Amino acid sequence: MEEWYREASMLLDKARRLRGDEIVALRYFIENVSVGTLRAEMDLSRKGVSEPKRVIEKLVELGLLEKGEYSYSLSLPLRMLRARRGSIKI
């Protein structure tokens, strides 16, 4: 089994324990993959996420997202899994 696949499996286990705003945010990034910082916060706020920045930071801490200079992205193992499967169910 490839290393990225093992990492993706571990991240999916973490993702399945998310609730509320965290799951809304992760599903947003699964759909959009990489989004500018301000756009992500605005979009998540429109989706009803009460503290988008805090929620995004939590997902970064968990390794589910990566923080770039001006953007957030789905983590590399999850991007690779999405590319192979076409989608990720959480």
N, C-alpha and C. Protein backbone atom coordinates (compact mmCIF):
# COMPACT_ATOMS: atom_id res chain seq x y z
N MET A 1 0.85 -1.18 0.00
CA MET A 1 0.00 0.00 0.00
C MET A 1 0.89 1.24 0.00
N GLU A 2 0.54 2.21 -0.81
CA GLU A 2 1.35 3.42 -0.92
C GLU A 2 1.18 4.29 0.33
N GLU A 3 2.25 5.01 0.67
CA GLU A 3 2.26 5.84 1.87
C GLU A 3 1.16 6.89 1.86
N TRP A 4 0.95 7.57 0.73
CA TRP A 4 -0.09 8.60 0.68
C TRP A 4 -1.46 8.02 0.97
N TYR A 5 -1.68 6.77 0.56
CA TYR A 5 -2.98 6.13 0.79
C TYR A 5 -3.19 5.84 2.27
N ARG A 6 -2.12 5.40 2.94
CA ARG A 6 -2.19 5.17 4.39
C ARG A 6 -2.49 6.48 5.11
N GLU A 7 -1.80 7.54 4.71
CA GLU A 7 -2.04 8.86 5.32
C GLU A 7 -3.47 9.32 5.08
N ALA A 8 -3.96 9.13 3.86
CA ALA A 8 -5.34 9.52 3.54
C ALA A 8 -6.33 8.74 4.40
N SER A 9 -6.08 7.46 4.61
CA SER A 9 -6.96 6.65 5.46
C SER A 9 -6.99 7.16 6.89
N MET A 10 -5.83 7.52 7.43
CA MET A 10 -5.77 8.06 8.79
C MET A 10 -6.51 9.40 8.87
N LEU A 11 -6.35 10.23 7.84
CA LEU A 11 -7.04 11.52 7.82
C LEU A 11 -8.56 11.33 7.72
N LEU A 12 -8.99 10.35 6.95
CA LEU A 12 -10.43 10.08 6.85
C LEU A 12 -10.99 9.62 8.18
N ASP A 13 -10.21 8.86 8.95
CA ASP A 13 -10.65 8.47 10.29
C ASP A 13 -10.87 9.70 11.16
N LYS A 14 -9.96 10.66 11.08
CA LYS A 14 -10.13 11.92 11.83
C LYS A 14 -11.36 12.66 11.33
N ALA A 15 -11.53 12.70 10.03
CA ALA A 15 -12.65 13.44 9.43
C ALA A 15 -13.99 12.87 9.87
N ARG A 16 -14.06 11.59 10.03
CA ARG A 16 -15.34 10.96 10.41
C ARG A 16 -15.75 11.30 11.84
N ARG A 17 -14.83 11.84 12.62
CA ARG A 17 -15.15 12.25 14.00
C ARG A 17 -15.56 13.72 14.08
N LEU A 18 -15.48 14.43 12.97
CA LEU A 18 -15.86 15.84 12.97
C LEU A 18 -17.37 15.99 13.10
N ARG A 19 -17.78 17.15 13.61
CA ARG A 19 -19.20 17.45 13.76
C ARG A 19 -19.45 18.91 13.42
N GLY A 20 -20.69 19.23 13.14
CA GLY A 20 -21.13 20.61 12.98
C GLY A 20 -20.37 21.40 11.92
N ASP A 21 -19.90 22.58 12.34
CA ASP A 21 -19.22 23.49 11.42
C ASP A 21 -17.96 22.88 10.81
N GLU A 22 -17.29 22.01 11.55
CA GLU A 22 -16.06 21.40 11.02
C GLU A 22 -16.36 20.52 9.82
N ILE A 23 -17.44 19.76 9.87
CA ILE A 23 -17.77 18.89 8.74
C ILE A 23 -18.24 19.72 7.55
N VAL A 24 -18.97 20.80 7.82
CA VAL A 24 -19.40 21.70 6.73
C VAL A 24 -18.17 22.26 6.02
N ALA A 25 -17.19 22.71 6.80
CA ALA A 25 -15.97 23.28 6.22
C ALA A 25 -15.17 22.25 5.45
N LEU A 26 -15.02 21.05 6.00
CA LEU A 26 -14.25 20.03 5.28
C LEU A 26 -14.94 19.65 3.97
N ARG A 27 -16.23 19.51 4.00
CA ARG A 27 -16.96 19.19 2.75
C ARG A 27 -16.78 20.30 1.72
N TYR A 28 -16.74 21.53 2.18
CA TYR A 28 -16.48 22.67 1.28
C TYR A 28 -15.13 22.51 0.60
N PHE A 29 -14.10 22.14 1.36
CA PHE A 29 -12.76 21.99 0.78
C PHE A 29 -12.64 20.72 -0.06
N ILE A 30 -13.39 19.70 0.26
CA ILE A 30 -13.39 18.51 -0.61
C ILE A 30 -13.95 18.89 -1.98
N GLU A 31 -14.96 19.73 -1.99
CA GLU A 31 -15.56 20.16 -3.24
C GLU A 31 -14.68 21.16 -3.98
N ASN A 32 -14.05 22.09 -3.26
CA ASN A 32 -13.32 23.20 -3.89
C ASN A 32 -11.80 23.04 -3.88
N VAL A 33 -11.25 22.12 -3.13
CA VAL A 33 -9.84 21.74 -3.04
C VAL A 33 -8.93 22.85 -2.53
N SER A 34 -8.83 23.97 -3.22
CA SER A 34 -7.93 25.05 -2.82
C SER A 34 -8.65 26.38 -3.00
N VAL A 35 -8.65 27.19 -1.94
CA VAL A 35 -9.43 28.43 -1.94
C VAL A 35 -8.63 29.52 -1.24
N GLY A 36 -8.70 30.74 -1.77
CA GLY A 36 -8.07 31.88 -1.14
C GLY A 36 -8.61 32.07 0.27
N THR A 37 -7.78 32.61 1.14
CA THR A 37 -8.11 32.77 2.55
C THR A 37 -9.41 33.55 2.75
N LEU A 38 -9.49 34.72 2.18
CA LEU A 38 -10.69 35.54 2.37
C LEU A 38 -11.93 34.91 1.75
N ARG A 39 -11.80 34.35 0.58
CA ARG A 39 -12.92 33.71 -0.11
C ARG A 39 -13.45 32.53 0.74
N ALA A 40 -12.55 31.72 1.28
CA ALA A 40 -12.96 30.58 2.09
C ALA A 40 -13.74 31.04 3.31
N GLU A 41 -13.23 32.07 3.99
CA GLU A 41 -13.91 32.57 5.19
C GLU A 41 -15.29 33.14 4.83
N MET A 42 -15.38 33.88 3.73
CA MET A 42 -16.67 34.45 3.31
C MET A 42 -17.66 33.34 2.92
N ASP A 43 -17.19 32.39 2.12
CA ASP A 43 -18.07 31.30 1.67
C ASP A 43 -18.58 30.48 2.85
N LEU A 44 -17.69 30.15 3.79
CA LEU A 44 -18.11 29.35 4.94
C LEU A 44 -19.07 30.12 5.83
N SER A 45 -18.86 31.41 5.96
CA SER A 45 -19.79 32.24 6.72
C SER A 45 -21.17 32.19 6.07
N ARG A 46 -21.22 32.27 4.75
CA ARG A 46 -22.50 32.18 4.02
C ARG A 46 -23.17 30.82 4.19
N LYS A 47 -22.35 29.80 4.42
CA LYS A 47 -22.89 28.45 4.64
C LYS A 47 -23.33 28.24 6.09
N GLY A 48 -23.19 29.29 6.91
CA GLY A 48 -23.67 29.21 8.29
C GLY A 48 -22.61 28.85 9.32
N VAL A 49 -21.35 28.74 8.90
CA VAL A 49 -20.27 28.45 9.84
C VAL A 49 -20.03 29.70 10.68
N SER A 50 -20.17 29.59 12.00
CA SER A 50 -20.15 30.77 12.85
C SER A 50 -18.78 31.41 13.01
N GLU A 51 -17.73 30.64 13.07
CA GLU A 51 -16.37 31.18 13.20
C GLU A 51 -15.46 30.50 12.17
N PRO A 52 -15.58 30.89 10.90
CA PRO A 52 -14.85 30.20 9.84
C PRO A 52 -13.34 30.11 10.06
N LYS A 53 -12.73 31.18 10.49
CA LYS A 53 -11.27 31.17 10.67
C LYS A 53 -10.86 30.15 11.72
N ARG A 54 -11.58 30.11 12.84
CA ARG A 54 -11.27 29.16 13.90
C ARG A 54 -11.45 27.72 13.41
N VAL A 55 -12.53 27.48 12.68
CA VAL A 55 -12.82 26.14 12.16
C VAL A 55 -11.74 25.71 11.17
N ILE A 56 -11.35 26.59 10.28
CA ILE A 56 -10.30 26.28 9.31
C ILE A 56 -8.99 25.97 10.03
N GLU A 57 -8.64 26.77 11.02
CA GLU A 57 -7.41 26.53 11.77
C GLU A 57 -7.42 25.17 12.46
N LYS A 58 -8.58 24.76 12.97
CA LYS A 58 -8.72 23.45 13.60
C LYS A 58 -8.46 22.34 12.57
N LEU A 59 -9.00 22.50 11.36
CA LEU A 59 -8.79 21.50 10.31
C LEU A 59 -7.33 21.46 9.88
N VAL A 60 -6.65 22.59 9.90
CA VAL A 60 -5.21 22.63 9.61
C VAL A 60 -4.46 21.87 10.71
N GLU A 61 -4.80 22.12 11.97
CA GLU A 61 -4.15 21.42 13.10
C GLU A 61 -4.31 19.90 12.98
N LEU A 62 -5.47 19.47 12.51
CA LEU A 62 -5.73 18.04 12.37
C LEU A 62 -5.05 17.43 11.15
N GLY A 63 -4.48 18.28 10.29
CA GLY A 63 -3.81 17.79 9.08
C GLY A 63 -4.74 17.58 7.90
N LEU A 64 -5.99 17.97 8.04
CA LEU A 64 -6.96 17.78 6.96
C LEU A 64 -6.83 18.85 5.89
N LEU A 65 -6.35 20.03 6.29
CA LEU A 65 -6.11 21.13 5.36
C LEU A 65 -4.67 21.59 5.49
N GLU A 66 -4.18 22.26 4.46
CA GLU A 66 -2.86 22.88 4.47
C GLU A 66 -3.05 24.38 4.29
N LYS A 67 -2.24 25.16 5.00
CA LYS A 67 -2.30 26.61 4.89
C LYS A 67 -1.16 27.10 4.01
N GLY A 68 -1.53 27.79 2.94
CA GLY A 68 -0.53 28.43 2.10
C GLY A 68 -0.37 29.88 2.52
N GLU A 69 0.33 30.65 1.73
CA GLU A 69 0.55 32.06 2.09
C GLU A 69 -0.77 32.84 2.08
N TYR A 70 -1.59 32.62 1.06
CA TYR A 70 -2.87 33.33 0.94
C TYR A 70 -4.02 32.39 0.63
N SER A 71 -3.87 31.12 0.95
CA SER A 71 -4.91 30.16 0.62
C SER A 71 -4.90 28.97 1.57
N TYR A 72 -5.97 28.20 1.50
CA TYR A 72 -6.07 26.93 2.21
C TYR A 72 -6.36 25.86 1.17
N SER A 73 -5.80 24.67 1.39
CA SER A 73 -6.01 23.57 0.46
C SER A 73 -6.29 22.29 1.23
N LEU A 74 -7.02 21.41 0.61
CA LEU A 74 -7.18 20.07 1.12
C LEU A 74 -5.78 19.45 1.20
N SER A 75 -5.51 18.67 2.24
CA SER A 75 -4.16 18.09 2.39
C SER A 75 -3.80 17.21 1.19
N LEU A 76 -2.52 17.09 0.93
CA LEU A 76 -2.05 16.35 -0.24
C LEU A 76 -2.59 14.92 -0.32
N PRO A 77 -2.53 14.12 0.77
CA PRO A 77 -3.08 12.76 0.64
C PRO A 77 -4.57 12.74 0.29
N LEU A 78 -5.33 13.70 0.83
CA LEU A 78 -6.75 13.76 0.49
C LEU A 78 -6.97 14.25 -0.94
N ARG A 79 -6.12 15.15 -1.41
CA ARG A 79 -6.20 15.58 -2.82
C ARG A 79 -5.92 14.41 -3.74
N MET A 80 -4.92 13.61 -3.40
CA MET A 80 -4.58 12.46 -4.24
C MET A 80 -5.72 11.44 -4.23
N LEU A 81 -6.31 11.21 -3.06
CA LEU A 81 -7.44 10.29 -2.96
C LEU A 81 -8.62 10.79 -3.78
N ARG A 82 -8.90 12.08 -3.69
CA ARG A 82 -9.99 12.68 -4.47
C ARG A 82 -9.72 12.54 -5.97
N ALA A 83 -8.48 12.74 -6.37
CA ALA A 83 -8.13 12.64 -7.79
C ALA A 83 -8.34 11.19 -8.29
N ARG A 84 -8.02 10.22 -7.45
CA ARG A 84 -8.17 8.82 -7.85
C ARG A 84 -9.63 8.37 -7.86
N ARG A 85 -10.36 8.77 -6.83
CA ARG A 85 -11.75 8.32 -6.67
C ARG A 85 -12.76 9.21 -7.39
N GLY A 86 -12.40 10.48 -7.57
CA GLY A 86 -13.34 11.44 -8.13
C GLY A 86 -14.12 12.18 -7.07
N SER A 87 -14.23 11.59 -5.88
CA SER A 87 -14.90 12.25 -4.76
C SER A 87 -14.51 11.55 -3.47
N ILE A 88 -14.82 12.20 -2.37
CA ILE A 88 -14.57 11.62 -1.04
C ILE A 88 -15.85 11.78 -0.25
N LYS A 89 -16.32 10.70 0.32
CA LYS A 89 -17.54 10.74 1.14
C LYS A 89 -17.14 10.85 2.62
N ILE A 90 -17.75 11.81 3.29
CA ILE A 90 -17.52 11.98 4.73
C ILE A 90 -18.87 11.92 5.41
